[in-house]
PDB file of all heavy atoms in Angstrom:
ATOM      1  N   GLN A   1      10.401   5.687   5.572  1.00  0.00           N
ATOM      2  CA  GLN A   1       9.880   6.112   4.282  1.00  0.00           C
ATOM      3  C   GLN A   1       8.943   5.051   3.716  1.00  0.00           C
ATOM      4  O   GLN A   1       9.143   3.860   3.937  1.00  0.00           O
ATOM      5  CB  GLN A   1      11.023   6.380   3.305  1.00  0.00           C
ATOM      6  CG  GLN A   1      11.902   7.548   3.720  1.00  0.00           C
ATOM      7  CD  GLN A   1      13.025   7.811   2.751  1.00  0.00           C
ATOM      8  OE1 GLN A   1      13.587   6.886   2.169  1.00  0.00           O
ATOM      9  NE2 GLN A   1      13.352   9.076   2.568  1.00  0.00           N
ATOM     10  N   LEU A   2       7.929   5.501   2.964  1.00  0.00           N
ATOM     11  CA  LEU A   2       6.910   4.622   2.425  1.00  0.00           C
ATOM     12  C   LEU A   2       6.889   4.700   0.903  1.00  0.00           C
ATOM     13  O   LEU A   2       6.985   5.789   0.335  1.00  0.00           O
ATOM     14  CB  LEU A   2       5.528   5.014   2.955  1.00  0.00           C
ATOM     15  CG  LEU A   2       5.363   5.087   4.477  1.00  0.00           C
ATOM     16  CD1 LEU A   2       3.984   5.621   4.829  1.00  0.00           C
ATOM     17  CD2 LEU A   2       5.574   3.711   5.096  1.00  0.00           C
ATOM     18  N   VAL A   3       6.734   3.547   0.253  1.00  0.00           N
ATOM     19  CA  VAL A   3       6.659   3.479  -1.197  1.00  0.00           C
ATOM     20  C   VAL A   3       5.483   2.606  -1.595  1.00  0.00           C
ATOM     21  O   VAL A   3       5.435   1.427  -1.247  1.00  0.00           O
ATOM     22  CB  VAL A   3       7.949   2.919  -1.816  1.00  0.00           C
ATOM     23  CG1 VAL A   3       7.815   2.849  -3.333  1.00  0.00           C
ATOM     24  CG2 VAL A   3       9.140   3.783  -1.438  1.00  0.00           C
ATOM     25  N   GLU A   4       4.540   3.183  -2.355  1.00  0.00           N
ATOM     26  CA  GLU A   4       3.368   2.456  -2.811  1.00  0.00           C
ATOM     27  C   GLU A   4       3.641   1.758  -4.138  1.00  0.00           C
ATOM     28  O   GLU A   4       4.447   2.222  -4.945  1.00  0.00           O
ATOM     29  CB  GLU A   4       2.174   3.402  -2.996  1.00  0.00           C
ATOM     30  CG  GLU A   4       1.783   4.192  -1.759  1.00  0.00           C
ATOM     31  CD  GLU A   4       2.440   5.555  -1.701  1.00  0.00           C
ATOM     32  OE1 GLU A   4       3.515   5.728  -2.322  1.00  0.00           O
ATOM     33  OE2 GLU A   4       1.888   6.451  -1.043  1.00  0.00           O
ATOM     34  N   SER A   5       2.911   0.671  -4.376  1.00  0.00           N
ATOM     35  CA  SER A   5       2.960  -0.023  -5.648  1.00  0.00           C
ATOM     36  C   SER A   5       1.650  -0.781  -5.845  1.00  0.00           C
ATOM     37  O   SER A   5       0.890  -0.973  -4.905  1.00  0.00           O
ATOM     38  CB  SER A   5       4.147  -0.980  -5.720  1.00  0.00           C
ATOM     39  OG  SER A   5       4.044  -1.997  -4.741  1.00  0.00           O
ATOM     40  N   GLY A   6       1.404  -1.211  -7.079  1.00  0.00           N
ATOM     41  CA  GLY A   6       0.243  -2.026  -7.374  1.00  0.00           C
ATOM     42  C   GLY A   6      -0.886  -1.321  -8.081  1.00  0.00           C
ATOM     43  O   GLY A   6      -1.887  -1.953  -8.434  1.00  0.00           O
ATOM     44  N   GLY A   7      -0.759  -0.025  -8.297  1.00  0.00           N
ATOM     45  CA  GLY A   7      -1.798   0.703  -8.997  1.00  0.00           C
ATOM     46  C   GLY A   7      -1.819   0.363 -10.475  1.00  0.00           C
ATOM     47  O   GLY A   7      -0.928  -0.298 -10.999  1.00  0.00           O
ATOM     48  N   GLY A   8      -2.868   0.813 -11.149  1.00  0.00           N
ATOM     49  CA  GLY A   8      -2.994   0.554 -12.569  1.00  0.00           C
ATOM     50  C   GLY A   8      -4.402   0.784 -13.055  1.00  0.00           C
ATOM     51  O   GLY A   8      -5.236   1.360 -12.356  1.00  0.00           O
ATOM     52  N   LEU A   9      -4.655   0.314 -14.262  1.00  0.00           N
ATOM     53  CA  LEU A   9      -5.962   0.431 -14.898  1.00  0.00           C
ATOM     54  C   LEU A   9      -6.741  -0.856 -14.702  1.00  0.00           C
ATOM     55  O   LEU A   9      -6.225  -1.951 -14.958  1.00  0.00           O
ATOM     56  CB  LEU A   9      -5.800   0.724 -16.387  1.00  0.00           C
ATOM     57  CG  LEU A   9      -7.066   0.767 -17.236  1.00  0.00           C
ATOM     58  CD1 LEU A   9      -7.960   1.925 -16.798  1.00  0.00           C
ATOM     59  CD2 LEU A   9      -6.703   0.891 -18.707  1.00  0.00           C
ATOM     60  N   VAL A  10      -7.978  -0.723 -14.262  1.00  0.00           N
ATOM     61  CA  VAL A  10      -8.822  -1.885 -14.028  1.00  0.00           C
ATOM     62  C   VAL A  10     -10.250  -1.560 -14.439  1.00  0.00           C
ATOM     63  O   VAL A  10     -10.682  -0.405 -14.362  1.00  0.00           O
ATOM     64  CB  VAL A  10      -8.753  -2.322 -12.548  1.00  0.00           C
ATOM     65  CG1 VAL A  10      -9.318  -1.238 -11.637  1.00  0.00           C
ATOM     66  CG2 VAL A  10      -9.462  -3.643 -12.325  1.00  0.00           C
ATOM     67  N   GLN A  11     -10.986  -2.568 -14.885  1.00  0.00           N
ATOM     68  CA  GLN A  11     -12.377  -2.381 -15.266  1.00  0.00           C
ATOM     69  C   GLN A  11     -13.283  -2.324 -14.049  1.00  0.00           C
ATOM     70  O   GLN A  11     -12.953  -2.884 -12.994  1.00  0.00           O
ATOM     71  CB  GLN A  11     -12.828  -3.518 -16.181  1.00  0.00           C
ATOM     72  CG  GLN A  11     -12.123  -3.554 -17.524  1.00  0.00           C
ATOM     73  CD  GLN A  11     -12.636  -4.661 -18.407  1.00  0.00           C
ATOM     74  OE1 GLN A  11     -13.329  -5.575 -17.956  1.00  0.00           O
ATOM     75  NE2 GLN A  11     -12.308  -4.591 -19.684  1.00  0.00           N
ATOM     76  N   PRO A  12     -14.420  -1.648 -14.167  1.00  0.00           N
ATOM     77  CA  PRO A  12     -15.386  -1.668 -13.062  1.00  0.00           C
ATOM     78  C   PRO A  12     -15.726  -3.097 -12.661  1.00  0.00           C
ATOM     79  O   PRO A  12     -15.925  -3.961 -13.508  1.00  0.00           O
ATOM     80  CB  PRO A  12     -16.597  -0.941 -13.648  1.00  0.00           C
ATOM     81  CG  PRO A  12     -16.018  -0.040 -14.687  1.00  0.00           C
ATOM     82  CD  PRO A  12     -14.874  -0.819 -15.288  1.00  0.00           C
ATOM     83  N   GLY A  13     -15.784  -3.325 -11.360  1.00  0.00           N
ATOM     84  CA  GLY A  13     -16.029  -4.658 -10.849  1.00  0.00           C
ATOM     85  C   GLY A  13     -14.772  -5.471 -10.629  1.00  0.00           C
ATOM     86  O   GLY A  13     -14.837  -6.544 -10.008  1.00  0.00           O
ATOM     87  N   GLY A  14     -13.654  -4.971 -11.094  1.00  0.00           N
ATOM     88  CA  GLY A  14     -12.396  -5.675 -10.954  1.00  0.00           C
ATOM     89  C   GLY A  14     -11.737  -5.440  -9.608  1.00  0.00           C
ATOM     90  O   GLY A  14     -12.297  -4.788  -8.726  1.00  0.00           O
ATOM     91  N   SER A  15     -10.523  -5.969  -9.476  1.00  0.00           N
ATOM     92  CA  SER A  15      -9.800  -5.903  -8.211  1.00  0.00           C
ATOM     93  C   SER A  15      -8.358  -5.472  -8.420  1.00  0.00           C
ATOM     94  O   SER A  15      -7.767  -5.709  -9.478  1.00  0.00           O
ATOM     95  CB  SER A  15      -9.797  -7.271  -7.523  1.00  0.00           C
ATOM     96  OG  SER A  15     -11.103  -7.704  -7.206  1.00  0.00           O
ATOM     97  N   LEU A  16      -7.805  -4.841  -7.409  1.00  0.00           N
ATOM     98  CA  LEU A  16      -6.397  -4.495  -7.347  1.00  0.00           C
ATOM     99  C   LEU A  16      -5.920  -4.662  -5.917  1.00  0.00           C
ATOM    100  O   LEU A  16      -6.691  -4.490  -4.974  1.00  0.00           O
ATOM    101  CB  LEU A  16      -6.138  -3.054  -7.785  1.00  0.00           C
ATOM    102  CG  LEU A  16      -6.117  -2.722  -9.272  1.00  0.00           C
ATOM    103  CD1 LEU A  16      -5.959  -1.213  -9.447  1.00  0.00           C
ATOM    104  CD2 LEU A  16      -4.997  -3.456  -9.987  1.00  0.00           C
ATOM    105  N   ARG A  17      -4.649  -4.961  -5.778  1.00  0.00           N
ATOM    106  CA  ARG A  17      -4.025  -5.033  -4.467  1.00  0.00           C
ATOM    107  C   ARG A  17      -2.866  -4.055  -4.417  1.00  0.00           C
ATOM    108  O   ARG A  17      -1.896  -4.195  -5.160  1.00  0.00           O
ATOM    109  CB  ARG A  17      -3.524  -6.443  -4.176  1.00  0.00           C
ATOM    110  CG  ARG A  17      -2.972  -6.634  -2.761  1.00  0.00           C
ATOM    111  CD  ARG A  17      -2.125  -7.875  -2.695  1.00  0.00           C
ATOM    112  NE  ARG A  17      -1.765  -8.264  -1.345  1.00  0.00           N
ATOM    113  CZ  ARG A  17      -0.657  -8.942  -1.041  1.00  0.00           C
ATOM    114  NH1 ARG A  17       0.186  -9.316  -1.982  1.00  0.00           N
ATOM    115  NH2 ARG A  17      -0.419  -9.264   0.230  1.00  0.00           N
ATOM    116  N   LEU A  18      -2.984  -3.075  -3.554  1.00  0.00           N
ATOM    117  CA  LEU A  18      -1.927  -2.097  -3.368  1.00  0.00           C
ATOM    118  C   LEU A  18      -1.017  -2.519  -2.227  1.00  0.00           C
ATOM    119  O   LEU A  18      -1.476  -3.081  -1.231  1.00  0.00           O
ATOM    120  CB  LEU A  18      -2.506  -0.718  -3.061  1.00  0.00           C
ATOM    121  CG  LEU A  18      -3.511  -0.144  -4.064  1.00  0.00           C
ATOM    122  CD1 LEU A  18      -3.915   1.269  -3.638  1.00  0.00           C
ATOM    123  CD2 LEU A  18      -2.943  -0.144  -5.474  1.00  0.00           C
ATOM    124  N   SER A  19       0.257  -2.228  -2.382  1.00  0.00           N
ATOM    125  CA  SER A  19       1.232  -2.511  -1.345  1.00  0.00           C
ATOM    126  C   SER A  19       1.950  -1.235  -0.945  1.00  0.00           C
ATOM    127  O   SER A  19       2.158  -0.346  -1.770  1.00  0.00           O
ATOM    128  CB  SER A  19       2.262  -3.536  -1.822  1.00  0.00           C
ATOM    129  OG  SER A  19       1.660  -4.775  -2.116  1.00  0.00           O
ATOM    130  N   CYS A  20       2.320  -1.158   0.292  1.00  0.00           N
ATOM    131  CA  CYS A  20       3.078  -0.031   0.819  1.00  0.00           C
ATOM    132  C   CYS A  20       4.266  -0.594   1.577  1.00  0.00           C
ATOM    133  O   CYS A  20       4.102  -1.170   2.659  1.00  0.00           O
ATOM    134  CB  CYS A  20       2.194   0.823   1.727  1.00  0.00           C
ATOM    135  SG  CYS A  20       3.062   2.155   2.582  1.00  0.00           S
ATOM    136  N   ALA A  21       5.446  -0.444   0.997  1.00  0.00           N
ATOM    137  CA  ALA A  21       6.662  -0.963   1.601  1.00  0.00           C
ATOM    138  C   ALA A  21       7.336   0.122   2.426  1.00  0.00           C
ATOM    139  O   ALA A  21       7.583   1.225   1.935  1.00  0.00           O
ATOM    140  CB  ALA A  21       7.608  -1.477   0.526  1.00  0.00           C
ATOM    141  N   ALA A  22       7.636  -0.193   3.656  1.00  0.00           N
ATOM    142  CA  ALA A  22       8.310   0.741   4.549  1.00  0.00           C
ATOM    143  C   ALA A  22       9.803   0.463   4.585  1.00  0.00           C
ATOM    144  O   ALA A  22      10.232  -0.691   4.499  1.00  0.00           O
ATOM    145  CB  ALA A  22       7.731   0.645   5.954  1.00  0.00           C
ATOM    146  N   SER A  23      10.581   1.516   4.720  1.00  0.00           N
ATOM    147  CA  SER A  23      12.033   1.386   4.712  1.00  0.00           C
ATOM    148  C   SER A  23      12.597   0.873   6.029  1.00  0.00           C
ATOM    149  O   SER A  23      13.774   0.518   6.108  1.00  0.00           O
ATOM    150  CB  SER A  23      12.679   2.734   4.367  1.00  0.00           C
ATOM    151  OG  SER A  23      12.389   3.702   5.365  1.00  0.00           O
ATOM    152  N   GLY A  24      11.769   0.839   7.053  1.00  0.00           N
ATOM    153  CA  GLY A  24      12.195   0.371   8.349  1.00  0.00           C
ATOM    154  C   GLY A  24      11.072  -0.327   9.070  1.00  0.00           C
ATOM    155  O   GLY A  24       9.985  -0.528   8.528  1.00  0.00           O
ATOM    156  N   SER A  25      11.326  -0.684  10.296  1.00  0.00           N
ATOM    157  CA  SER A  25      10.341  -1.403  11.096  1.00  0.00           C
ATOM    158  C   SER A  25       9.077  -0.584  11.299  1.00  0.00           C
ATOM    159  O   SER A  25       9.134   0.616  11.568  1.00  0.00           O
ATOM    160  CB  SER A  25      10.938  -1.765  12.453  1.00  0.00           C
ATOM    161  OG  SER A  25       9.966  -2.356  13.291  1.00  0.00           O
ATOM    162  N   ILE A  26       7.920  -1.259  11.181  1.00  0.00           N
ATOM    163  CA  ILE A  26       6.648  -0.595  11.450  1.00  0.00           C
ATOM    164  C   ILE A  26       6.065  -1.037  12.784  1.00  0.00           C
ATOM    165  O   ILE A  26       4.939  -0.655  13.121  1.00  0.00           O
ATOM    166  CB  ILE A  26       5.626  -0.809  10.315  1.00  0.00           C
ATOM    167  CG1 ILE A  26       5.295  -2.301  10.140  1.00  0.00           C
ATOM    168  CG2 ILE A  26       6.137  -0.221   9.014  1.00  0.00           C
ATOM    169  CD1 ILE A  26       4.180  -2.557   9.140  1.00  0.00           C
ATOM    170  N   PHE A  27       6.815  -1.806  13.530  1.00  0.00           N
ATOM    171  CA  PHE A  27       6.355  -2.204  14.857  1.00  0.00           C
ATOM    172  C   PHE A  27       6.191  -1.008  15.784  1.00  0.00           C
ATOM    173  O   PHE A  27       5.414  -1.060  16.741  1.00  0.00           O
ATOM    174  CB  PHE A  27       7.330  -3.208  15.484  1.00  0.00           C
ATOM    175  CG  PHE A  27       7.172  -4.611  15.007  1.00  0.00           C
ATOM    176  CD1 PHE A  27       8.060  -5.156  14.086  1.00  0.00           C
ATOM    177  CD2 PHE A  27       6.138  -5.411  15.464  1.00  0.00           C
ATOM    178  CE1 PHE A  27       7.918  -6.458  13.633  1.00  0.00           C
ATOM    179  CE2 PHE A  27       5.989  -6.712  15.023  1.00  0.00           C
ATOM    180  CZ  PHE A  27       6.882  -7.238  14.101  1.00  0.00           C
ATOM    181  N   SER A  28       6.922   0.049  15.497  1.00  0.00           N
ATOM    182  CA  SER A  28       6.853   1.249  16.323  1.00  0.00           C
ATOM    183  C   SER A  28       5.797   2.240  15.845  1.00  0.00           C
ATOM    184  O   SER A  28       5.628   3.293  16.447  1.00  0.00           O
ATOM    185  CB  SER A  28       8.216   1.939  16.364  1.00  0.00           C
ATOM    186  OG  SER A  28       8.603   2.377  15.080  1.00  0.00           O
ATOM    187  N   ILE A  29       5.096   1.905  14.762  1.00  0.00           N
ATOM    188  CA  ILE A  29       4.088   2.792  14.192  1.00  0.00           C
ATOM    189  C   ILE A  29       2.700   2.282  14.557  1.00  0.00           C
ATOM    190  O   ILE A  29       2.286   1.218  14.095  1.00  0.00           O
ATOM    191  CB  ILE A  29       4.223   2.886  12.662  1.00  0.00           C
ATOM    192  CG1 ILE A  29       5.619   3.381  12.288  1.00  0.00           C
ATOM    193  CG2 ILE A  29       3.148   3.810  12.093  1.00  0.00           C
ATOM    194  CD1 ILE A  29       5.895   3.390  10.807  1.00  0.00           C
ATOM    195  N   ASN A  30       1.999   3.038  15.362  1.00  0.00           N
ATOM    196  CA  ASN A  30       0.683   2.608  15.815  1.00  0.00           C
ATOM    197  C   ASN A  30      -0.369   2.699  14.716  1.00  0.00           C
ATOM    198  O   ASN A  30      -1.145   1.764  14.506  1.00  0.00           O
ATOM    199  CB  ASN A  30       0.234   3.425  17.020  1.00  0.00           C
ATOM    200  CG  ASN A  30      -1.069   2.928  17.607  1.00  0.00           C
ATOM    201  OD1 ASN A  30      -1.334   1.725  17.645  1.00  0.00           O
ATOM    202  ND2 ASN A  30      -1.898   3.858  18.080  1.00  0.00           N
ATOM    203  N   ILE A  31      -0.405   3.821  14.004  1.00  0.00           N
ATOM    204  CA  ILE A  31      -1.453   4.073  13.025  1.00  0.00           C
ATOM    205  C   ILE A  31      -0.874   4.140  11.623  1.00  0.00           C
ATOM    206  O   ILE A  31       0.017   4.945  11.349  1.00  0.00           O
ATOM    207  CB  ILE A  31      -2.192   5.385  13.325  1.00  0.00           C
ATOM    208  CG1 ILE A  31      -2.712   5.396  14.762  1.00  0.00           C
ATOM    209  CG2 ILE A  31      -3.337   5.584  12.342  1.00  0.00           C
ATOM    210  CD1 ILE A  31      -3.292   6.724  15.189  1.00  0.00           C
ATOM    211  N   MET A  32      -1.397   3.316  10.730  1.00  0.00           N
ATOM    212  CA  MET A  32      -1.073   3.373   9.320  1.00  0.00           C
ATOM    213  C   MET A  32      -2.376   3.386   8.535  1.00  0.00           C
ATOM    214  O   MET A  32      -3.391   2.872   8.999  1.00  0.00           O
ATOM    215  CB  MET A  32      -0.220   2.187   8.882  1.00  0.00           C
ATOM    216  CG  MET A  32       1.103   2.069   9.613  1.00  0.00           C
ATOM    217  SD  MET A  32       2.170   0.765   8.936  1.00  0.00           S
ATOM    218  CE  MET A  32       2.648   1.513   7.359  1.00  0.00           C
ATOM    219  N   GLY A  33      -2.332   3.973   7.356  1.00  0.00           N
ATOM    220  CA  GLY A  33      -3.559   4.038   6.588  1.00  0.00           C
ATOM    221  C   GLY A  33      -3.348   4.340   5.125  1.00  0.00           C
ATOM    222  O   GLY A  33      -2.239   4.641   4.678  1.00  0.00           O
ATOM    223  N   TRP A  34      -4.447   4.226   4.399  1.00  0.00           N
ATOM    224  CA  TRP A  34      -4.497   4.566   2.988  1.00  0.00           C
ATOM    225  C   TRP A  34      -5.423   5.755   2.788  1.00  0.00           C
ATOM    226  O   TRP A  34      -6.528   5.800   3.350  1.00  0.00           O
ATOM    227  CB  TRP A  34      -4.999   3.390   2.150  1.00  0.00           C
ATOM    228  CG  TRP A  34      -4.021   2.260   2.037  1.00  0.00           C
ATOM    229  CD1 TRP A  34      -3.943   1.159   2.818  1.00  0.00           C
ATOM    230  CD2 TRP A  34      -2.987   2.136   1.057  1.00  0.00           C
ATOM    231  NE1 TRP A  34      -2.924   0.338   2.404  1.00  0.00           N
ATOM    232  CE2 TRP A  34      -2.318   0.919   1.321  1.00  0.00           C
ATOM    233  CE3 TRP A  34      -2.561   2.926  -0.005  1.00  0.00           C
ATOM    234  CZ2 TRP A  34      -1.245   0.471   0.548  1.00  0.00           C
ATOM    235  CZ3 TRP A  34      -1.492   2.482  -0.766  1.00  0.00           C
ATOM    236  CH2 TRP A  34      -0.850   1.275  -0.490  1.00  0.00           C
TER     237      TRP A  34
END
C-alpha cells in the first residue's frame, strides 16, 4: 500500500517535496511513478 504526503499550498516559483511511503518492501517493484 502507498501513502502520499507533502502536498500543500505554494507560490509560483516555489518548491515542494512529495513523499510516498510504502507499507512493504519496494525492492520487488520494478516501476514506480507519480
